[in-house]
Protein backbone atom coordinates (compact mmCIF):
# COMPACT_ATOMS: atom_id res chain seq x y z
CA MET A 1 23.53 -34.35 53.06
CA THR A 2 22.34 -32.62 50.16
CA GLN A 3 18.62 -33.82 50.92
CA GLN A 4 17.68 -33.89 54.73
CA SER A 5 13.97 -35.26 54.16
CA PRO A 6 14.12 -37.86 50.82
CA ILE A 7 10.76 -38.87 51.76
CA SER A 8 9.07 -35.68 52.21
CA ASN A 9 6.50 -34.51 49.75
CA GLU A 10 6.64 -30.79 48.13
CA ASP A 11 3.65 -30.05 50.12
CA ALA A 12 5.64 -30.23 53.40
CA VAL A 13 8.29 -27.75 52.16
CA PHE A 14 6.66 -24.20 51.41
CA LYS A 15 5.25 -21.71 53.79
CA LYS A 16 3.61 -18.53 52.65
CA GLN A 17 4.08 -18.95 49.07
CA LEU A 18 2.26 -18.63 45.93
CA PHE A 19 2.22 -20.68 42.86
CA TYR A 20 0.62 -20.75 39.34
CA ASP A 21 -0.23 -23.29 36.77
CA ASP A 22 1.40 -22.71 33.39
CA GLY A 23 -0.05 -25.56 31.74
CA LYS A 24 2.70 -27.81 32.46
CA ARG A 25 3.65 -27.34 36.10
CA TYR A 26 3.19 -24.97 38.96
CA ARG A 27 5.72 -22.39 39.20
CA LYS A 28 6.48 -20.15 42.07
CA VAL A 29 5.30 -16.41 41.73
CA GLN A 30 8.54 -14.67 41.83
CA ALA A 31 7.60 -12.05 44.62
CA ARG A 32 7.43 -11.24 48.18
CA LEU A 33 4.68 -11.16 50.67
CA ILE A 34 4.57 -7.99 52.32
CA THR A 35 2.12 -5.82 54.66
CA GLU A 36 0.42 -7.66 57.23
CA TYR A 37 -0.47 -11.18 56.66
CA LYS A 38 -3.93 -12.94 57.21
CA PRO A 39 -4.25 -16.50 56.79
CA PRO A 40 -7.33 -18.03 54.49
CA SER A 41 -10.57 -17.43 56.36
CA PRO A 42 -13.41 -19.66 55.62
CA ASN A 43 -16.64 -18.51 53.91
CA LEU A 44 -19.65 -20.80 53.93
CA LYS A 45 -21.29 -21.36 50.58
CA SER A 46 -24.95 -20.75 50.42
CA HIS A 47 -25.91 -24.02 48.44
CA VAL A 48 -24.47 -27.40 49.31
CA ASN A 49 -22.07 -28.68 46.91
CA GLN A 50 -21.84 -25.49 45.11
CA THR A 51 -18.82 -25.52 42.47
CA LEU A 52 -16.07 -22.83 42.56
CA ALA A 53 -15.21 -22.65 38.65
CA SER A 54 -13.87 -20.07 36.68
CA SER A 55 -12.16 -19.35 33.21
CA ALA A 56 -9.30 -21.70 34.61
CA GLY A 57 -11.85 -24.15 34.56
CA LEU A 58 -13.07 -26.47 37.74
CA VAL A 59 -11.24 -26.13 40.90
CA GLN A 60 -12.80 -28.24 43.15
CA SER A 61 -16.40 -29.21 44.69
CA GLY A 62 -17.26 -28.62 48.29
CA THR A 63 -19.60 -26.71 50.77
CA SER A 64 -16.97 -23.93 51.80
CA HIS A 65 -14.28 -22.36 50.42
CA TYR A 66 -11.77 -19.42 51.74
CA GLU A 67 -10.69 -16.27 50.90
CA THR A 68 -7.59 -14.33 51.25
CA THR A 69 -5.87 -11.17 50.08
CA LEU A 70 -2.33 -11.27 49.41
CA THR A 71 0.14 -8.24 48.86
CA LEU A 72 2.86 -8.97 46.40
CA LEU A 73 6.11 -7.00 45.78
CA PHE A 74 7.83 -7.76 42.20
CA TYR A 75 11.37 -6.46 41.99
CA SER A 76 11.38 -6.25 38.28
CA LYS A 77 8.96 -5.78 35.26
CA LYS A 78 9.88 -9.22 33.93
CA GLU A 79 8.99 -10.95 37.28
CA TYR A 80 5.57 -9.29 37.34
CA ALA A 81 4.84 -10.02 33.60
CA ASP A 82 5.58 -13.88 33.98
CA TRP A 83 2.93 -14.00 36.50
CA LEU A 84 0.42 -11.64 35.13
CA GLN A 85 0.12 -13.57 31.66
CA TYR A 86 -1.06 -16.35 33.81
CA ILE A 87 -3.22 -14.58 36.31
CA GLY A 88 -6.35 -16.40 35.18
CA SER A 89 -4.93 -19.97 35.68
CA GLN A 90 -5.08 -22.16 38.80
CA HIS A 91 -2.99 -21.14 41.71
CA LYS A 92 -1.65 -23.05 44.57
CA TYR A 93 -0.97 -21.11 47.88
CA TYR A 94 0.66 -22.42 50.98
CA ASP A 95 -0.22 -20.61 54.42
CA GLU A 96 1.98 -19.84 57.46
CA LYS A 97 1.47 -23.56 58.65
CA GLY A 98 2.18 -25.10 55.26
CA THR A 99 -1.44 -26.01 54.56
CA VAL A 100 -1.96 -26.23 50.61
CA TYR A 101 -4.81 -24.52 49.13
CA VAL A 102 -5.70 -24.24 45.28
CA GLY A 103 -7.90 -21.57 43.74
CA ILE A 104 -8.07 -18.75 41.53
CA VAL A 105 -7.67 -14.87 41.54
CA THR A 106 -10.69 -12.93 41.99
CA GLY A 107 -11.63 -9.41 40.74
CA ARG A 108 -9.38 -6.91 39.48
CA PRO A 109 -5.82 -6.66 41.32
CA GLU A 110 -4.75 -3.46 42.56
CA ILE A 111 -1.38 -2.39 40.99
CA ARG A 112 0.91 0.22 42.21
CA THR A 113 4.51 0.98 41.17
CA ALA A 114 7.58 2.06 43.36
CA GLU A 115 11.22 3.05 42.92
CA ALA A 116 10.65 4.75 39.40
CA GLU A 117 8.31 2.17 38.35
CA THR A 118 11.10 -0.59 38.71
CA LYS A 119 9.25 -2.46 41.00
CA TYR A 120 5.39 -3.35 41.12
CA ILE A 121 3.16 -3.85 44.34
CA VAL A 122 -0.15 -5.98 43.72
CA THR A 123 -2.87 -6.72 46.00
CA ALA A 124 -4.56 -9.52 44.80
CA ALA A 125 -7.78 -11.65 46.23
CA LEU A 126 -7.89 -15.10 46.12
CA SER A 127 -10.88 -17.51 46.13
CA LEU A 128 -9.32 -21.03 47.71
CA VAL A 129 -10.33 -24.47 48.49
CA ARG A 130 -8.45 -26.49 50.79
CA LYS A 131 -6.44 -29.21 49.27
CA GLN A 132 -7.44 -32.72 50.34
CA GLU A 133 -5.66 -35.93 50.35
CA PHE A 134 -6.22 -38.62 47.84
CA GLU A 135 -9.68 -40.24 48.72
CA TYR A 136 -9.81 -43.86 49.67
CA ARG A 137 -11.71 -45.04 46.70
CA TYR A 138 -11.63 -48.91 47.24
CA THR A 139 -13.52 -51.08 50.18
CA SER A 140 -12.70 -54.33 48.86
CA ASN A 141 -9.65 -56.06 49.76
CA PHE A 142 -7.34 -59.02 48.21
CA ILE A 143 -7.89 -62.14 50.15
CA ASP A 144 -4.39 -63.67 49.05
CA THR A 145 -2.55 -60.76 50.95
CA GLU A 146 -3.25 -60.87 54.54
CA GLY A 147 -0.35 -61.70 56.63
CA HIS A 148 2.06 -61.16 53.68
CA TRP A 149 5.11 -58.92 54.26
CA ALA A 150 4.15 -56.44 51.38
CA ALA A 151 0.31 -56.55 52.29
CA LYS A 152 0.56 -52.84 53.55
CA HIS A 153 2.47 -51.70 50.28
CA ILE A 154 -0.07 -53.48 48.22
CA GLY A 155 -2.70 -51.92 50.04
CA ASP A 156 -1.42 -48.29 49.89
CA MET A 157 -0.94 -48.88 45.98
CA GLN A 158 -4.38 -50.15 45.78
CA GLN A 159 -6.00 -46.95 47.37
CA MET A 160 -3.69 -44.72 45.10
CA GLY A 161 -5.43 -46.44 42.21
CA LEU A 162 -2.04 -47.87 40.90
CA ILE A 163 -3.47 -51.46 41.08
CA ALA A 164 -6.69 -52.69 39.59
CA THR A 165 -9.40 -53.80 41.97
CA ASN A 166 -12.19 -54.77 39.50
CA TRP A 167 -12.49 -55.99 36.07
CA SER A 168 -13.34 -53.40 33.73
CA ALA A 169 -15.46 -55.32 31.75
CA ASP A 170 -17.91 -56.06 34.42
CA GLY A 171 -17.02 -54.37 37.43
CA GLU A 172 -16.76 -57.49 39.67
CA ASP A 173 -14.26 -57.32 42.42
CA VAL A 174 -10.68 -58.91 42.12
CA ALA A 175 -10.15 -61.06 44.50
CA TYR A 176 -6.70 -62.69 44.22
CA PHE A 177 -3.51 -60.59 44.09
CA ARG A 178 -1.34 -63.22 43.36
CA PRO A 179 1.60 -61.61 45.43
CA ASP A 180 4.12 -64.12 44.78
CA ASP A 181 3.64 -64.94 41.24
CA PRO A 182 6.21 -63.33 38.46
CA LEU A 183 5.41 -59.77 36.94
CA VAL A 184 4.64 -60.11 33.26
CA ARG A 185 5.44 -57.45 30.88
CA SER A 186 2.01 -56.03 30.07
CA GLU A 187 1.70 -55.82 34.13
CA ALA A 188 5.02 -53.89 34.17
CA VAL A 189 4.03 -51.49 31.24
CA THR A 190 0.25 -50.92 32.92
CA LEU A 191 1.88 -50.31 36.41
CA LEU A 192 4.65 -47.81 35.03
CA MET A 193 1.59 -46.00 32.97
CA ARG A 194 -0.62 -45.55 36.01
CA THR A 195 2.28 -44.53 38.23
CA HIS A 196 3.23 -41.94 35.51
CA ARG A 197 -0.36 -40.38 35.63
CA TYR A 198 -0.44 -40.53 39.47
CA VAL A 199 2.89 -38.47 39.69
CA ASP A 200 1.77 -36.06 37.07
CA LYS A 201 -1.41 -35.39 39.55
CA LEU A 202 0.65 -34.79 42.14
CA LEU A 203 2.99 -32.29 40.37
CA ARG A 204 0.11 -30.34 39.18
CA GLY A 205 -1.34 -30.25 42.64
CA TYR A 206 -4.56 -32.35 42.00
């Protein structure tokens, strides 16, 4: 089989790898981690709900963040230059267990050359926050889906924000899902657009 785990998401694949956001998608940093590895260590913040931000924009909010130092070996000037132009953007890092962190490069990286300046050794510090799952945002349930064969799938899509749970005009809860009614064209288009935005957020690591 060409794909052993067809239902696995991207966050279950990588370990000890670093990616950067180029404005369209996350791209892997074409370098190998060298020297002794230390997993991200937590660093408590002095103020509750302090925000970690940089020139890359808002990263995430929380009461703690993580710090780690990575030493990267680039095998060519092009691979190093490709990453260097996006060094100020948001990064995504997978530790040795595959846990996902997002954050930024802080301070000035230490850069050395090797083998007649054909290879680059870069030591960079990163401030990270642990990537959390999408929070459950809805507490109201449809009253006509209990016992229906698709009830679990409907509930999952509701929590992802793909199905409207309240009217945008007045904020009142939508009580009925009408699971056996035909799908009209406007509902299909709305669902596709919401799914597109949701997948885009996943691919960009938010």
